[in-house]
Amino acid sequence: YNTVDFIGSYALPLGKLTFSIENLLNEDYVTVWGQRAPLLYSPTYGSSSLYEYKGRGRTFGLNYALSF
């Protein structure tokens, strides 16, 4: 799987504003650990559905930094 991220920044007169969008296309995917864990732990420690860890959906970030 592939995900697309967007990161940008804008210099303000006083400080810097940074913004981001992770998983821009909102891809549905399972992490590497989510692919391996069911093989290692299921059925001994529960159903395989307990160990299917999905990746995060579209995530927004906003940051303001001021250096002095």
N, C-alpha and C. Protein backbone atom coordinates (compact mmCIF):
# COMPACT_ATOMS: atom_id res chain seq x y z
N TYR A 1 0.84 -1.18 0.00
CA TYR A 1 0.00 0.00 0.00
C TYR A 1 0.88 1.24 0.00
N ASN A 2 0.35 2.30 -0.50
CA ASN A 2 1.01 3.60 -0.49
C ASN A 2 0.05 4.63 0.06
N THR A 3 0.59 5.59 0.76
CA THR A 3 -0.23 6.70 1.23
C THR A 3 0.40 8.00 0.72
N VAL A 4 -0.42 9.02 0.61
CA VAL A 4 0.04 10.33 0.15
C VAL A 4 -0.11 11.31 1.31
N ASP A 5 0.95 12.04 1.61
CA ASP A 5 0.93 13.04 2.67
C ASP A 5 1.17 14.42 2.06
N PHE A 6 0.64 15.43 2.71
CA PHE A 6 0.85 16.81 2.28
C PHE A 6 1.35 17.60 3.48
N ILE A 7 2.47 18.27 3.31
CA ILE A 7 3.04 19.08 4.38
C ILE A 7 3.43 20.43 3.80
N GLY A 8 3.06 21.49 4.48
CA GLY A 8 3.40 22.83 4.02
C GLY A 8 3.65 23.75 5.19
N SER A 9 4.30 24.85 4.92
CA SER A 9 4.54 25.83 5.98
C SER A 9 4.45 27.23 5.40
N TYR A 10 4.20 28.17 6.28
CA TYR A 10 4.06 29.56 5.88
C TYR A 10 4.76 30.42 6.93
N ALA A 11 5.71 31.22 6.47
CA ALA A 11 6.43 32.12 7.37
C ALA A 11 5.56 33.34 7.65
N LEU A 12 5.29 33.58 8.90
CA LEU A 12 4.51 34.74 9.33
C LEU A 12 5.46 35.84 9.79
N PRO A 13 4.99 37.08 9.92
CA PRO A 13 5.86 38.14 10.42
C PRO A 13 6.47 37.79 11.78
N LEU A 14 5.74 37.03 12.55
CA LEU A 14 6.22 36.61 13.86
C LEU A 14 5.93 35.13 14.03
N GLY A 15 6.86 34.29 13.62
CA GLY A 15 6.70 32.85 13.77
C GLY A 15 6.49 32.14 12.45
N LYS A 16 6.14 30.86 12.56
CA LYS A 16 5.96 30.02 11.39
C LYS A 16 4.77 29.10 11.62
N LEU A 17 3.92 28.97 10.61
CA LEU A 17 2.74 28.12 10.68
C LEU A 17 2.98 26.92 9.78
N THR A 18 2.84 25.72 10.33
CA THR A 18 3.02 24.49 9.58
C THR A 18 1.72 23.71 9.61
N PHE A 19 1.36 23.13 8.48
CA PHE A 19 0.13 22.35 8.40
C PHE A 19 0.41 21.07 7.63
N SER A 20 -0.36 20.03 7.92
CA SER A 20 -0.14 18.75 7.25
C SER A 20 -1.44 17.97 7.14
N ILE A 21 -1.48 17.11 6.15
CA ILE A 21 -2.55 16.13 6.00
C ILE A 21 -1.86 14.81 5.71
N GLU A 22 -1.99 13.86 6.63
CA GLU A 22 -1.43 12.53 6.43
C GLU A 22 -2.52 11.62 5.88
N ASN A 23 -2.13 10.71 5.00
CA ASN A 23 -3.07 9.81 4.33
C ASN A 23 -4.13 10.64 3.61
N LEU A 24 -3.68 11.53 2.78
CA LEU A 24 -4.53 12.49 2.07
C LEU A 24 -5.70 11.84 1.34
N LEU A 25 -5.47 10.68 0.75
CA LEU A 25 -6.52 10.00 -0.01
C LEU A 25 -7.37 9.07 0.86
N ASN A 26 -7.09 9.07 2.15
CA ASN A 26 -7.85 8.28 3.14
C ASN A 26 -7.87 6.79 2.77
N GLU A 27 -6.69 6.25 2.44
CA GLU A 27 -6.57 4.84 2.09
C GLU A 27 -6.83 3.97 3.31
N ASP A 28 -7.53 2.87 3.11
CA ASP A 28 -7.80 1.91 4.17
C ASP A 28 -6.73 0.83 4.08
N TYR A 29 -5.90 0.69 5.11
CA TYR A 29 -4.82 -0.29 5.06
C TYR A 29 -4.58 -0.88 6.44
N VAL A 30 -3.86 -1.99 6.46
CA VAL A 30 -3.51 -2.68 7.70
C VAL A 30 -2.01 -2.51 7.89
N THR A 31 -1.58 -2.20 9.12
CA THR A 31 -0.16 -2.02 9.39
C THR A 31 0.59 -3.34 9.25
N VAL A 32 1.91 -3.27 9.18
CA VAL A 32 2.73 -4.48 9.09
C VAL A 32 2.47 -5.37 10.30
N TRP A 33 2.42 -4.78 11.49
CA TRP A 33 2.15 -5.57 12.68
C TRP A 33 0.75 -6.18 12.63
N GLY A 34 -0.19 -5.45 12.07
CA GLY A 34 -1.55 -5.97 11.92
C GLY A 34 -1.62 -7.17 10.98
N GLN A 35 -0.66 -7.28 10.08
CA GLN A 35 -0.60 -8.43 9.19
C GLN A 35 0.06 -9.64 9.86
N ARG A 36 1.01 -9.38 10.76
CA ARG A 36 1.74 -10.47 11.40
C ARG A 36 1.11 -10.97 12.69
N ALA A 37 0.52 -10.07 13.47
CA ALA A 37 -0.01 -10.44 14.79
C ALA A 37 -1.03 -11.57 14.75
N PRO A 38 -1.98 -11.59 13.81
CA PRO A 38 -2.93 -12.71 13.80
C PRO A 38 -2.24 -14.06 13.61
N LEU A 39 -1.15 -14.08 12.85
CA LEU A 39 -0.43 -15.34 12.64
C LEU A 39 0.27 -15.80 13.92
N LEU A 40 0.74 -14.85 14.72
CA LEU A 40 1.48 -15.19 15.93
C LEU A 40 0.59 -15.49 17.13
N TYR A 41 -0.54 -14.81 17.25
CA TYR A 41 -1.34 -14.89 18.47
C TYR A 41 -2.67 -15.62 18.33
N SER A 42 -3.18 -15.71 17.12
CA SER A 42 -4.49 -16.33 16.94
C SER A 42 -4.31 -17.81 16.62
N PRO A 43 -5.11 -18.71 17.05
CA PRO A 43 -6.28 -18.60 17.92
C PRO A 43 -5.95 -18.76 19.40
N THR A 44 -4.67 -18.96 19.73
CA THR A 44 -4.30 -19.21 21.13
C THR A 44 -4.77 -18.11 22.06
N TYR A 45 -4.59 -16.85 21.66
CA TYR A 45 -4.93 -15.73 22.54
C TYR A 45 -6.17 -14.97 22.11
N GLY A 46 -6.98 -15.56 21.27
CA GLY A 46 -8.21 -14.91 20.84
C GLY A 46 -8.36 -14.90 19.33
N SER A 47 -9.48 -14.41 18.91
CA SER A 47 -9.81 -14.35 17.49
C SER A 47 -8.81 -13.48 16.72
N SER A 48 -8.59 -13.82 15.48
CA SER A 48 -7.64 -13.04 14.67
C SER A 48 -8.11 -11.60 14.48
N SER A 49 -9.42 -11.36 14.57
CA SER A 49 -9.93 -9.99 14.42
C SER A 49 -9.46 -9.07 15.54
N LEU A 50 -9.05 -9.63 16.68
CA LEU A 50 -8.52 -8.81 17.78
C LEU A 50 -7.16 -8.21 17.44
N TYR A 51 -6.47 -8.78 16.48
CA TYR A 51 -5.10 -8.37 16.18
C TYR A 51 -4.94 -7.71 14.81
N GLU A 52 -6.02 -7.37 14.16
CA GLU A 52 -5.95 -6.71 12.87
C GLU A 52 -5.90 -5.20 13.08
N TYR A 53 -4.69 -4.66 13.18
CA TYR A 53 -4.50 -3.24 13.45
C TYR A 53 -4.54 -2.45 12.15
N LYS A 54 -5.54 -1.61 12.02
CA LYS A 54 -5.66 -0.78 10.82
C LYS A 54 -4.81 0.47 10.96
N GLY A 55 -4.36 0.99 9.83
CA GLY A 55 -3.61 2.24 9.82
C GLY A 55 -4.55 3.41 10.06
N ARG A 56 -3.97 4.54 10.41
CA ARG A 56 -4.79 5.73 10.66
C ARG A 56 -5.40 6.25 9.37
N GLY A 57 -6.58 6.79 9.49
CA GLY A 57 -7.24 7.43 8.36
C GLY A 57 -6.65 8.81 8.14
N ARG A 58 -7.33 9.62 7.37
CA ARG A 58 -6.86 10.98 7.08
C ARG A 58 -6.70 11.74 8.40
N THR A 59 -5.53 12.33 8.59
CA THR A 59 -5.20 13.03 9.83
C THR A 59 -4.69 14.43 9.51
N PHE A 60 -5.24 15.42 10.19
CA PHE A 60 -4.85 16.81 9.97
C PHE A 60 -3.95 17.29 11.11
N GLY A 61 -2.97 18.11 10.77
CA GLY A 61 -2.09 18.68 11.78
C GLY A 61 -1.88 20.17 11.55
N LEU A 62 -1.75 20.91 12.63
CA LEU A 62 -1.51 22.35 12.56
C LEU A 62 -0.57 22.72 13.69
N ASN A 63 0.48 23.47 13.36
CA ASN A 63 1.48 23.83 14.36
C ASN A 63 1.90 25.29 14.16
N TYR A 64 2.11 25.97 15.26
CA TYR A 64 2.63 27.34 15.22
C TYR A 64 3.89 27.35 16.06
N ALA A 65 4.97 27.87 15.50
CA ALA A 65 6.24 27.93 16.22
C ALA A 65 6.75 29.37 16.25
N LEU A 66 7.27 29.72 17.40
CA LEU A 66 7.83 31.05 17.59
C LEU A 66 9.19 30.88 18.24
N SER A 67 10.22 31.34 17.58
CA SER A 67 11.58 31.26 18.12
C SER A 67 11.97 32.61 18.69
N PHE A 68 12.56 32.58 19.86
CA PHE A 68 13.02 33.83 20.47
C PHE A 68 14.31 33.59 21.21
